Amino acid sequence: MTNIRTKLIAFTLPALLLLAATPAHAAGPGGTHVQIGFADWSDFDNGFNLAGSFMAQQNLRLFAGYTDTDLEHLRIGAGWLVPLEPGFDLEFGGSINYFDVGPVDDTGLGLHAIARITPVAELTLAGKLEYILLDDFDNEIVLAFDADYRFQDNISGFVNYSIYDEIDNNLILIGARFRF
């Protein structure tokens, strides 16, 4: 566990500095931002979530996230945004996922599709389907929903609900996103 925390800090500090120096390119949870939140896995202790997203190009989003409860999850990846209409886009991408549950850990490749819609300027809703291919654990199917409400241009509150099929657990994240 200590090793993953050291890696997270080594990754997060430079990423936060880079994000702070970069103008935002997109609205909603897909844009350049840093988020911090409360994490609640249904069968594990409560904890926290720290994540960030960076628009490297107009359609290329890089992201990383770390959730720390009894079950730790580190996720680093990229997604390609496909704008379909104003206020509606799709994203297709992949990630490397690391899970640590007590004495057992596993790493795998995730493939995801996200649909985002902004029905009004302050609100973005998203749905995600992800398939995670793992080495030691059973492969995981994740279905997630995200609501992001912007109080100001650079500050929003969010709620994220994820259903993990194989471990039969749900994850609720509630927190704030800060855009740069």
N, C-alpha and C. Protein backbone atom coordinates (compact mmCIF):
# COMPACT_ATOMS: atom_id res chain seq x y z
N MET A 1 0.81 -1.18 0.00
CA MET A 1 0.00 0.00 0.00
C MET A 1 0.86 1.26 0.00
N THR A 2 1.93 1.25 0.78
CA THR A 2 2.80 2.42 0.84
C THR A 2 3.43 2.70 -0.52
N ASN A 3 3.81 1.65 -1.24
CA ASN A 3 4.42 1.81 -2.55
C ASN A 3 3.48 2.52 -3.51
N ILE A 4 2.19 2.16 -3.52
CA ILE A 4 1.25 2.80 -4.43
C ILE A 4 1.02 4.26 -4.04
N ARG A 5 1.01 4.54 -2.75
CA ARG A 5 0.84 5.93 -2.30
C ARG A 5 2.04 6.78 -2.74
N THR A 6 3.23 6.23 -2.64
CA THR A 6 4.43 6.95 -3.08
C THR A 6 4.36 7.24 -4.57
N LYS A 7 3.94 6.25 -5.36
CA LYS A 7 3.79 6.45 -6.81
C LYS A 7 2.72 7.50 -7.10
N LEU A 8 1.63 7.46 -6.35
CA LEU A 8 0.55 8.42 -6.56
C LEU A 8 1.03 9.84 -6.29
N ILE A 9 1.73 10.04 -5.21
CA ILE A 9 2.24 11.37 -4.88
C ILE A 9 3.24 11.83 -5.94
N ALA A 10 4.11 10.93 -6.37
CA ALA A 10 5.09 11.28 -7.40
C ALA A 10 4.41 11.64 -8.72
N PHE A 11 3.27 11.04 -9.02
CA PHE A 11 2.53 11.36 -10.24
C PHE A 11 1.66 12.60 -10.06
N THR A 12 1.00 12.72 -8.91
CA THR A 12 -0.01 13.75 -8.71
C THR A 12 0.58 15.15 -8.61
N LEU A 13 1.66 15.34 -7.88
CA LEU A 13 2.20 16.68 -7.70
C LEU A 13 2.60 17.34 -9.02
N PRO A 14 3.38 16.69 -9.90
CA PRO A 14 3.67 17.32 -11.19
C PRO A 14 2.41 17.51 -12.04
N ALA A 15 1.47 16.55 -11.96
CA ALA A 15 0.24 16.67 -12.75
C ALA A 15 -0.58 17.87 -12.31
N LEU A 16 -0.68 18.10 -11.00
CA LEU A 16 -1.43 19.26 -10.51
C LEU A 16 -0.79 20.56 -10.95
N LEU A 17 0.54 20.63 -10.91
CA LEU A 17 1.22 21.83 -11.38
C LEU A 17 0.99 22.05 -12.88
N LEU A 18 1.03 20.97 -13.65
CA LEU A 18 0.77 21.08 -15.08
C LEU A 18 -0.66 21.53 -15.35
N LEU A 19 -1.61 20.95 -14.63
CA LEU A 19 -3.01 21.32 -14.81
C LEU A 19 -3.25 22.78 -14.43
N ALA A 20 -2.61 23.24 -13.38
CA ALA A 20 -2.81 24.62 -12.93
C ALA A 20 -2.28 25.62 -13.95
N ALA A 21 -1.31 25.23 -14.74
CA ALA A 21 -0.71 26.14 -15.72
C ALA A 21 -1.38 26.05 -17.09
N THR A 22 -2.41 25.21 -17.22
CA THR A 22 -3.03 24.96 -18.52
C THR A 22 -4.45 25.50 -18.55
N PRO A 23 -4.83 26.27 -19.59
CA PRO A 23 -6.21 26.73 -19.68
C PRO A 23 -7.16 25.57 -19.96
N ALA A 24 -8.40 25.69 -19.49
CA ALA A 24 -9.40 24.64 -19.73
C ALA A 24 -9.79 24.61 -21.20
N HIS A 25 -10.03 23.42 -21.72
CA HIS A 25 -10.42 23.26 -23.12
C HIS A 25 -11.85 22.78 -23.28
N ALA A 26 -12.43 22.15 -22.28
CA ALA A 26 -13.77 21.59 -22.43
C ALA A 26 -14.55 21.71 -21.14
N ALA A 27 -15.87 21.81 -21.27
CA ALA A 27 -16.73 21.89 -20.10
C ALA A 27 -17.09 20.49 -19.62
N GLY A 28 -17.67 20.42 -18.43
CA GLY A 28 -18.15 19.15 -17.91
C GLY A 28 -17.04 18.30 -17.34
N PRO A 29 -17.38 17.08 -16.88
CA PRO A 29 -16.39 16.22 -16.24
C PRO A 29 -15.31 15.74 -17.19
N GLY A 30 -15.45 15.97 -18.50
CA GLY A 30 -14.43 15.54 -19.44
C GLY A 30 -13.34 16.56 -19.64
N GLY A 31 -13.46 17.76 -19.11
CA GLY A 31 -12.48 18.82 -19.34
C GLY A 31 -11.29 18.75 -18.40
N THR A 32 -10.41 19.76 -18.49
CA THR A 32 -9.24 19.84 -17.63
C THR A 32 -9.69 20.23 -16.22
N HIS A 33 -9.42 19.36 -15.26
CA HIS A 33 -9.84 19.62 -13.88
C HIS A 33 -9.07 18.73 -12.90
N VAL A 34 -9.20 19.09 -11.63
CA VAL A 34 -8.75 18.26 -10.51
C VAL A 34 -9.98 18.08 -9.64
N GLN A 35 -10.17 16.88 -9.14
CA GLN A 35 -11.32 16.63 -8.26
C GLN A 35 -10.87 15.97 -6.97
N ILE A 36 -11.61 16.27 -5.92
CA ILE A 36 -11.40 15.61 -4.64
C ILE A 36 -12.77 15.29 -4.07
N GLY A 37 -12.89 14.10 -3.48
CA GLY A 37 -14.20 13.73 -3.00
C GLY A 37 -14.17 12.64 -1.95
N PHE A 38 -15.33 12.43 -1.37
CA PHE A 38 -15.60 11.38 -0.42
C PHE A 38 -15.93 10.12 -1.21
N ALA A 39 -15.38 8.97 -0.80
CA ALA A 39 -15.61 7.70 -1.49
C ALA A 39 -16.27 6.70 -0.53
N ASP A 40 -17.31 6.03 -1.02
CA ASP A 40 -18.00 5.03 -0.21
C ASP A 40 -18.24 3.77 -1.05
N TRP A 41 -17.42 2.73 -0.83
CA TRP A 41 -17.66 1.42 -1.43
C TRP A 41 -18.69 0.73 -0.55
N SER A 42 -19.62 -0.01 -1.12
CA SER A 42 -20.69 -0.61 -0.33
C SER A 42 -20.20 -1.62 0.70
N ASP A 43 -19.17 -2.41 0.42
CA ASP A 43 -18.71 -3.43 1.39
C ASP A 43 -17.35 -3.10 2.01
N PHE A 44 -16.88 -1.87 1.85
CA PHE A 44 -15.58 -1.48 2.37
C PHE A 44 -15.72 -0.20 3.19
N ASP A 45 -14.66 0.16 3.91
CA ASP A 45 -14.68 1.41 4.66
C ASP A 45 -14.76 2.61 3.72
N ASN A 46 -15.20 3.74 4.26
CA ASN A 46 -15.22 4.98 3.50
C ASN A 46 -13.80 5.50 3.34
N GLY A 47 -13.62 6.38 2.37
CA GLY A 47 -12.31 6.94 2.14
C GLY A 47 -12.39 8.18 1.29
N PHE A 48 -11.41 8.36 0.42
CA PHE A 48 -11.39 9.56 -0.41
C PHE A 48 -11.04 9.20 -1.85
N ASN A 49 -11.30 10.16 -2.73
CA ASN A 49 -10.96 10.04 -4.14
C ASN A 49 -10.25 11.30 -4.57
N LEU A 50 -9.18 11.14 -5.32
CA LEU A 50 -8.44 12.25 -5.91
C LEU A 50 -8.25 11.90 -7.38
N ALA A 51 -8.62 12.81 -8.28
CA ALA A 51 -8.53 12.51 -9.70
C ALA A 51 -8.25 13.79 -10.48
N GLY A 52 -7.82 13.63 -11.70
CA GLY A 52 -7.57 14.77 -12.57
C GLY A 52 -7.74 14.38 -14.02
N SER A 53 -8.00 15.39 -14.82
CA SER A 53 -8.20 15.20 -16.25
C SER A 53 -7.54 16.36 -16.96
N PHE A 54 -6.88 16.07 -18.09
CA PHE A 54 -6.15 17.10 -18.84
C PHE A 54 -6.46 16.95 -20.32
N MET A 55 -6.93 18.01 -20.93
CA MET A 55 -7.19 17.99 -22.37
C MET A 55 -5.87 18.28 -23.09
N ALA A 56 -5.20 17.21 -23.54
CA ALA A 56 -3.89 17.33 -24.19
C ALA A 56 -4.02 17.94 -25.58
N GLN A 57 -5.11 17.65 -26.25
CA GLN A 57 -5.47 18.24 -27.54
C GLN A 57 -6.97 18.48 -27.49
N GLN A 58 -7.51 19.04 -28.54
CA GLN A 58 -8.94 19.35 -28.55
C GLN A 58 -9.79 18.11 -28.28
N ASN A 59 -9.39 16.95 -28.77
CA ASN A 59 -10.19 15.74 -28.61
C ASN A 59 -9.51 14.65 -27.78
N LEU A 60 -8.34 14.90 -27.24
CA LEU A 60 -7.61 13.89 -26.47
C LEU A 60 -7.57 14.27 -25.00
N ARG A 61 -8.19 13.41 -24.17
CA ARG A 61 -8.23 13.63 -22.73
C ARG A 61 -7.36 12.61 -22.03
N LEU A 62 -6.43 13.07 -21.19
CA LEU A 62 -5.62 12.22 -20.33
C LEU A 62 -6.19 12.31 -18.93
N PHE A 63 -6.19 11.22 -18.19
CA PHE A 63 -6.79 11.25 -16.86
C PHE A 63 -6.08 10.29 -15.92
N ALA A 64 -6.25 10.56 -14.63
CA ALA A 64 -5.75 9.68 -13.58
C ALA A 64 -6.66 9.83 -12.38
N GLY A 65 -6.82 8.76 -11.63
CA GLY A 65 -7.65 8.80 -10.44
C GLY A 65 -7.18 7.79 -9.42
N TYR A 66 -7.39 8.12 -8.17
CA TYR A 66 -7.01 7.24 -7.07
C TYR A 66 -8.11 7.27 -6.03
N THR A 67 -8.61 6.09 -5.67
CA THR A 67 -9.61 5.96 -4.61
C THR A 67 -8.98 5.14 -3.50
N ASP A 68 -9.01 5.66 -2.28
CA ASP A 68 -8.38 5.00 -1.14
C ASP A 68 -9.43 4.68 -0.09
N THR A 69 -9.82 3.42 0.00
CA THR A 69 -10.65 2.88 1.07
C THR A 69 -9.95 1.56 1.44
N ASP A 70 -10.68 0.60 2.00
CA ASP A 70 -10.07 -0.73 2.19
C ASP A 70 -9.66 -1.32 0.85
N LEU A 71 -10.36 -0.93 -0.20
CA LEU A 71 -10.02 -1.32 -1.56
C LEU A 71 -9.43 -0.09 -2.23
N GLU A 72 -8.16 -0.19 -2.65
CA GLU A 72 -7.52 0.93 -3.35
C GLU A 72 -7.61 0.69 -4.84
N HIS A 73 -7.84 1.77 -5.58
CA HIS A 73 -7.95 1.68 -7.04
C HIS A 73 -7.22 2.87 -7.65
N LEU A 74 -6.21 2.58 -8.45
CA LEU A 74 -5.46 3.59 -9.19
C LEU A 74 -5.75 3.37 -10.66
N ARG A 75 -6.11 4.46 -11.38
CA ARG A 75 -6.49 4.36 -12.79
C ARG A 75 -5.82 5.49 -13.57
N ILE A 76 -5.10 5.13 -14.64
CA ILE A 76 -4.43 6.12 -15.49
C ILE A 76 -4.76 5.76 -16.94
N GLY A 77 -5.19 6.77 -17.73
CA GLY A 77 -5.56 6.44 -19.09
C GLY A 77 -5.77 7.65 -19.98
N ALA A 78 -6.40 7.38 -21.13
CA ALA A 78 -6.67 8.41 -22.12
C ALA A 78 -7.98 8.09 -22.82
N GLY A 79 -8.61 9.13 -23.34
CA GLY A 79 -9.85 8.96 -24.09
C GLY A 79 -9.92 9.92 -25.26
N TRP A 80 -10.56 9.48 -26.33
CA TRP A 80 -10.74 10.31 -27.53
C TRP A 80 -12.18 10.78 -27.57
N LEU A 81 -12.38 12.11 -27.57
CA LEU A 81 -13.72 12.69 -27.59
C LEU A 81 -14.22 12.85 -29.01
N VAL A 82 -15.47 12.48 -29.22
CA VAL A 82 -16.13 12.60 -30.51
C VAL A 82 -17.35 13.50 -30.32
N PRO A 83 -17.23 14.80 -30.67
CA PRO A 83 -18.38 15.68 -30.53
C PRO A 83 -19.43 15.35 -31.60
N LEU A 84 -20.68 15.16 -31.17
CA LEU A 84 -21.74 14.84 -32.11
C LEU A 84 -22.64 16.04 -32.38
N GLU A 85 -22.97 16.77 -31.34
CA GLU A 85 -23.78 17.99 -31.42
C GLU A 85 -23.30 18.91 -30.31
N PRO A 86 -23.64 20.20 -30.37
CA PRO A 86 -23.29 21.06 -29.24
C PRO A 86 -23.94 20.51 -27.96
N GLY A 87 -23.13 20.32 -26.93
CA GLY A 87 -23.63 19.80 -25.67
C GLY A 87 -23.77 18.29 -25.60
N PHE A 88 -23.27 17.56 -26.61
CA PHE A 88 -23.35 16.10 -26.58
C PHE A 88 -22.09 15.53 -27.24
N ASP A 89 -21.38 14.67 -26.50
CA ASP A 89 -20.21 14.01 -27.08
C ASP A 89 -20.07 12.60 -26.55
N LEU A 90 -19.28 11.83 -27.25
CA LEU A 90 -18.92 10.48 -26.84
C LEU A 90 -17.42 10.45 -26.61
N GLU A 91 -16.99 9.52 -25.77
CA GLU A 91 -15.56 9.32 -25.55
C GLU A 91 -15.28 7.83 -25.57
N PHE A 92 -14.19 7.45 -26.24
CA PHE A 92 -13.74 6.06 -26.29
C PHE A 92 -12.29 6.05 -25.85
N GLY A 93 -11.93 5.13 -24.94
CA GLY A 93 -10.56 5.13 -24.49
C GLY A 93 -10.16 3.89 -23.72
N GLY A 94 -8.99 3.99 -23.11
CA GLY A 94 -8.44 2.89 -22.35
C GLY A 94 -7.69 3.38 -21.14
N SER A 95 -7.44 2.44 -20.22
CA SER A 95 -6.74 2.80 -19.00
C SER A 95 -6.00 1.59 -18.44
N ILE A 96 -5.05 1.88 -17.59
CA ILE A 96 -4.39 0.86 -16.80
C ILE A 96 -4.95 1.00 -15.39
N ASN A 97 -5.40 -0.12 -14.83
CA ASN A 97 -6.04 -0.13 -13.52
C ASN A 97 -5.24 -0.99 -12.56
N TYR A 98 -5.07 -0.49 -11.34
CA TYR A 98 -4.40 -1.24 -10.29
C TYR A 98 -5.35 -1.31 -9.11
N PHE A 99 -5.63 -2.54 -8.64
CA PHE A 99 -6.49 -2.76 -7.48
C PHE A 99 -5.66 -3.38 -6.37
N ASP A 100 -5.90 -2.95 -5.13
CA ASP A 100 -5.22 -3.51 -3.96
C ASP A 100 -6.27 -3.72 -2.87
N VAL A 101 -6.48 -4.99 -2.50
CA VAL A 101 -7.43 -5.33 -1.45
C VAL A 101 -6.67 -6.17 -0.43
N GLY A 102 -6.20 -5.53 0.66
CA GLY A 102 -5.45 -6.26 1.68
C GLY A 102 -4.20 -6.89 1.11
N PRO A 103 -4.04 -8.22 1.26
CA PRO A 103 -2.82 -8.87 0.76
C PRO A 103 -2.86 -9.16 -0.75
N VAL A 104 -3.97 -8.89 -1.42
CA VAL A 104 -4.12 -9.24 -2.83
C VAL A 104 -4.16 -7.97 -3.68
N ASP A 105 -3.41 -8.01 -4.79
CA ASP A 105 -3.48 -6.88 -5.73
C ASP A 105 -3.51 -7.41 -7.15
N ASP A 106 -3.93 -6.57 -8.09
CA ASP A 106 -4.03 -6.97 -9.48
C ASP A 106 -3.97 -5.74 -10.37
N THR A 107 -3.47 -5.94 -11.58
CA THR A 107 -3.38 -4.87 -12.58
C THR A 107 -4.07 -5.35 -13.84
N GLY A 108 -4.75 -4.41 -14.52
CA GLY A 108 -5.43 -4.79 -15.74
C GLY A 108 -5.65 -3.62 -16.68
N LEU A 109 -6.11 -3.95 -17.86
CA LEU A 109 -6.38 -2.96 -18.90
C LEU A 109 -7.88 -2.72 -18.98
N GLY A 110 -8.27 -1.44 -18.96
CA GLY A 110 -9.68 -1.08 -19.07
C GLY A 110 -9.98 -0.43 -20.40
N LEU A 111 -11.14 -0.75 -20.97
CA LEU A 111 -11.64 -0.13 -22.19
C LEU A 111 -12.98 0.51 -21.85
N HIS A 112 -13.18 1.78 -22.25
CA HIS A 112 -14.42 2.45 -21.85
C HIS A 112 -15.06 3.24 -22.98
N ALA A 113 -16.37 3.46 -22.81
CA ALA A 113 -17.15 4.35 -23.67
C ALA A 113 -17.97 5.24 -22.73
N ILE A 114 -17.95 6.55 -23.00
CA ILE A 114 -18.67 7.51 -22.17
C ILE A 114 -19.55 8.36 -23.09
N ALA A 115 -20.78 8.60 -22.67
CA ALA A 115 -21.67 9.55 -23.36
C ALA A 115 -21.90 10.71 -22.39
N ARG A 116 -21.67 11.95 -22.86
CA ARG A 116 -21.86 13.15 -22.04
C ARG A 116 -22.88 14.06 -22.71
N ILE A 117 -23.77 14.62 -21.90
CA ILE A 117 -24.75 15.58 -22.40
C ILE A 117 -24.81 16.75 -21.43
N THR A 118 -24.93 17.94 -21.99
CA THR A 118 -25.07 19.16 -21.18
C THR A 118 -26.42 19.77 -21.52
N PRO A 119 -27.48 19.39 -20.76
CA PRO A 119 -28.82 19.90 -21.09
C PRO A 119 -28.98 21.40 -20.83
N VAL A 120 -28.30 21.91 -19.82
CA VAL A 120 -28.24 23.35 -19.54
C VAL A 120 -26.78 23.69 -19.24
N ALA A 121 -26.42 24.95 -19.36
CA ALA A 121 -25.01 25.36 -19.26
C ALA A 121 -24.33 24.90 -17.97
N GLU A 122 -25.07 24.83 -16.87
CA GLU A 122 -24.45 24.50 -15.57
C GLU A 122 -24.36 23.01 -15.29
N LEU A 123 -25.06 22.18 -16.04
CA LEU A 123 -25.18 20.77 -15.69
C LEU A 123 -24.68 19.87 -16.82
N THR A 124 -23.80 18.94 -16.47
CA THR A 124 -23.36 17.91 -17.41
C THR A 124 -23.65 16.55 -16.79
N LEU A 125 -24.28 15.69 -17.57
CA LEU A 125 -24.59 14.32 -17.15
C LEU A 125 -23.78 13.37 -18.03
N ALA A 126 -23.28 12.29 -17.44
CA ALA A 126 -22.47 11.34 -18.19
C ALA A 126 -22.82 9.92 -17.76
N GLY A 127 -22.71 9.00 -18.71
CA GLY A 127 -22.86 7.58 -18.45
C GLY A 127 -21.65 6.86 -19.03
N LYS A 128 -21.12 5.88 -18.29
CA LYS A 128 -19.91 5.19 -18.74
C LYS A 128 -20.11 3.68 -18.64
N LEU A 129 -19.62 2.98 -19.65
CA LEU A 129 -19.54 1.53 -19.64
C LEU A 129 -18.06 1.19 -19.80
N GLU A 130 -17.53 0.36 -18.88
CA GLU A 130 -16.11 0.02 -18.93
C GLU A 130 -15.94 -1.48 -18.71
N TYR A 131 -15.00 -2.06 -19.44
CA TYR A 131 -14.63 -3.45 -19.27
C TYR A 131 -13.17 -3.49 -18.86
N ILE A 132 -12.88 -4.10 -17.69
CA ILE A 132 -11.51 -4.17 -17.18
C ILE A 132 -11.04 -5.62 -17.23
N LEU A 133 -9.99 -5.87 -18.02
CA LEU A 133 -9.39 -7.20 -18.13
C LEU A 133 -8.31 -7.31 -17.07
N LEU A 134 -8.48 -8.21 -16.12
CA LEU A 134 -7.55 -8.35 -15.01
C LEU A 134 -6.80 -9.67 -15.10
N ASP A 135 -5.60 -9.71 -14.48
CA ASP A 135 -4.78 -10.92 -14.49
C ASP A 135 -5.28 -11.96 -13.48
N ASP A 136 -5.42 -11.56 -12.22
CA ASP A 136 -5.73 -12.50 -11.15
C ASP A 136 -7.20 -12.50 -10.74
N PHE A 137 -7.83 -11.34 -10.72
CA PHE A 137 -9.24 -11.24 -10.37
C PHE A 137 -10.07 -11.56 -11.61
N ASP A 138 -11.37 -11.76 -11.41
CA ASP A 138 -12.27 -11.90 -12.56
C ASP A 138 -12.34 -10.57 -13.29
N ASN A 139 -12.52 -10.63 -14.60
CA ASN A 139 -12.68 -9.40 -15.37
C ASN A 139 -13.89 -8.64 -14.85
N GLU A 140 -13.83 -7.33 -14.93
CA GLU A 140 -14.83 -6.48 -14.29
C GLU A 140 -15.58 -5.65 -15.32
N ILE A 141 -16.90 -5.57 -15.18
CA ILE A 141 -17.73 -4.68 -15.97
C ILE A 141 -18.20 -3.57 -15.03
N VAL A 142 -17.98 -2.32 -15.45
CA VAL A 142 -18.34 -1.18 -14.63
C VAL A 142 -19.35 -0.33 -15.39
N LEU A 143 -20.45 0.00 -14.74
CA LEU A 143 -21.45 0.91 -15.27
C LEU A 143 -21.49 2.11 -14.32
N ALA A 144 -21.25 3.32 -14.85
CA ALA A 144 -21.14 4.50 -13.98
C ALA A 144 -21.99 5.65 -14.52
N PHE A 145 -22.47 6.46 -13.59
CA PHE A 145 -23.26 7.65 -13.91
C PHE A 145 -22.64 8.83 -13.16
N ASP A 146 -22.55 9.99 -13.82
CA ASP A 146 -21.93 11.17 -13.23
C ASP A 146 -22.80 12.39 -13.48
N ALA A 147 -23.01 13.18 -12.44
CA ALA A 147 -23.71 14.47 -12.57
C ALA A 147 -22.76 15.54 -12.05
N ASP A 148 -22.55 16.59 -12.84
CA ASP A 148 -21.62 17.66 -12.52
C ASP A 148 -22.39 18.99 -12.63
N TYR A 149 -22.50 19.71 -11.50
CA TYR A 149 -23.20 20.99 -11.51
C TYR A 149 -22.20 22.11 -11.23
N ARG A 150 -22.06 23.05 -12.19
CA ARG A 150 -21.11 24.15 -12.08
C ARG A 150 -21.73 25.31 -11.30
N PHE A 151 -21.12 25.63 -10.15
CA PHE A 151 -21.53 26.79 -9.36
C PHE A 151 -20.91 28.06 -9.93
N GLN A 152 -19.70 27.94 -10.41
CA GLN A 152 -18.98 29.01 -11.10
C GLN A 152 -18.27 28.36 -12.29
N ASP A 153 -17.66 29.16 -13.15
CA ASP A 153 -16.99 28.60 -14.32
C ASP A 153 -15.91 27.58 -13.94
N ASN A 154 -15.25 27.79 -12.82
CA ASN A 154 -14.13 26.91 -12.47
C ASN A 154 -14.38 26.01 -11.25
N ILE A 155 -15.59 26.03 -10.68
CA ILE A 155 -15.89 25.20 -9.51
C ILE A 155 -17.23 24.50 -9.71
N SER A 156 -17.23 23.19 -9.48
CA SER A 156 -18.49 22.45 -9.57
C SER A 156 -18.53 21.37 -8.50
N GLY A 157 -19.73 20.93 -8.21
CA GLY A 157 -19.95 19.78 -7.34
C GLY A 157 -20.32 18.59 -8.21
N PHE A 158 -19.98 17.39 -7.77
CA PHE A 158 -20.31 16.21 -8.57
C PHE A 158 -20.76 15.06 -7.70
N VAL A 159 -21.51 14.18 -8.30
CA VAL A 159 -21.91 12.90 -7.70
C VAL A 159 -21.64 11.85 -8.78
N ASN A 160 -20.96 10.79 -8.39
CA ASN A 160 -20.66 9.70 -9.32
C ASN A 160 -21.07 8.40 -8.66
N TYR A 161 -21.84 7.59 -9.38
CA TYR A 161 -22.30 6.29 -8.88
C TYR A 161 -21.82 5.21 -9.84
N SER A 162 -21.02 4.26 -9.36
CA SER A 162 -20.46 3.20 -10.19
C SER A 162 -20.89 1.84 -9.66
N ILE A 163 -21.27 0.96 -10.57
CA ILE A 163 -21.66 -0.40 -10.23
C ILE A 163 -20.58 -1.33 -10.78
N TYR A 164 -19.92 -2.08 -9.89
CA TYR A 164 -18.89 -3.04 -10.27
C TYR A 164 -19.52 -4.43 -10.24
N ASP A 165 -19.58 -5.09 -11.39
CA ASP A 165 -20.32 -6.34 -11.55
C ASP A 165 -19.71 -7.51 -10.79
N GLU A 166 -18.44 -7.82 -11.02
CA GLU A 166 -17.84 -9.04 -10.46
C GLU A 166 -17.62 -8.99 -8.96
N ILE A 167 -17.17 -7.84 -8.45
CA ILE A 167 -16.97 -7.76 -7.00
C ILE A 167 -18.28 -7.43 -6.29
N ASP A 168 -19.35 -7.24 -7.09
CA ASP A 168 -20.69 -7.00 -6.57
C ASP A 168 -20.70 -5.88 -5.53
N ASN A 169 -20.11 -4.74 -5.93
CA ASN A 169 -20.03 -3.58 -5.05
C ASN A 169 -20.37 -2.33 -5.83
N ASN A 170 -20.86 -1.35 -5.12
CA ASN A 170 -21.16 -0.05 -5.70
C ASN A 170 -20.25 0.98 -5.06
N LEU A 171 -19.86 1.97 -5.84
CA LEU A 171 -19.00 3.05 -5.35
C LEU A 171 -19.72 4.37 -5.56
N ILE A 172 -19.81 5.15 -4.51
CA ILE A 172 -20.39 6.49 -4.60
C ILE A 172 -19.28 7.49 -4.30
N LEU A 173 -19.11 8.45 -5.20
CA LEU A 173 -18.16 9.55 -5.00
C LEU A 173 -18.97 10.85 -4.96
N ILE A 174 -18.68 11.68 -3.98
CA ILE A 174 -19.30 13.00 -3.87
C ILE A 174 -18.19 13.98 -3.58
N GLY A 175 -18.12 15.07 -4.35
CA GLY A 175 -17.03 16.00 -4.12
C GLY A 175 -17.10 17.23 -4.97
N ALA A 176 -15.92 17.83 -5.18
CA ALA A 176 -15.80 19.08 -5.93
C ALA A 176 -14.78 18.93 -7.04
N ARG A 177 -15.04 19.63 -8.15
CA ARG A 177 -14.09 19.69 -9.27
C ARG A 177 -13.65 21.13 -9.43
N PHE A 178 -12.35 21.29 -9.66
CA PHE A 178 -11.76 22.62 -9.84
C PHE A 178 -11.14 22.65 -11.23
N ARG A 179 -11.61 23.55 -12.07
CA ARG A 179 -11.13 23.65 -13.45
C ARG A 179 -10.07 24.72 -13.57
N PHE A 180 -9.14 24.50 -14.50
CA PHE A 180 -8.05 25.44 -14.72
C PHE A 180 -8.06 25.92 -16.14
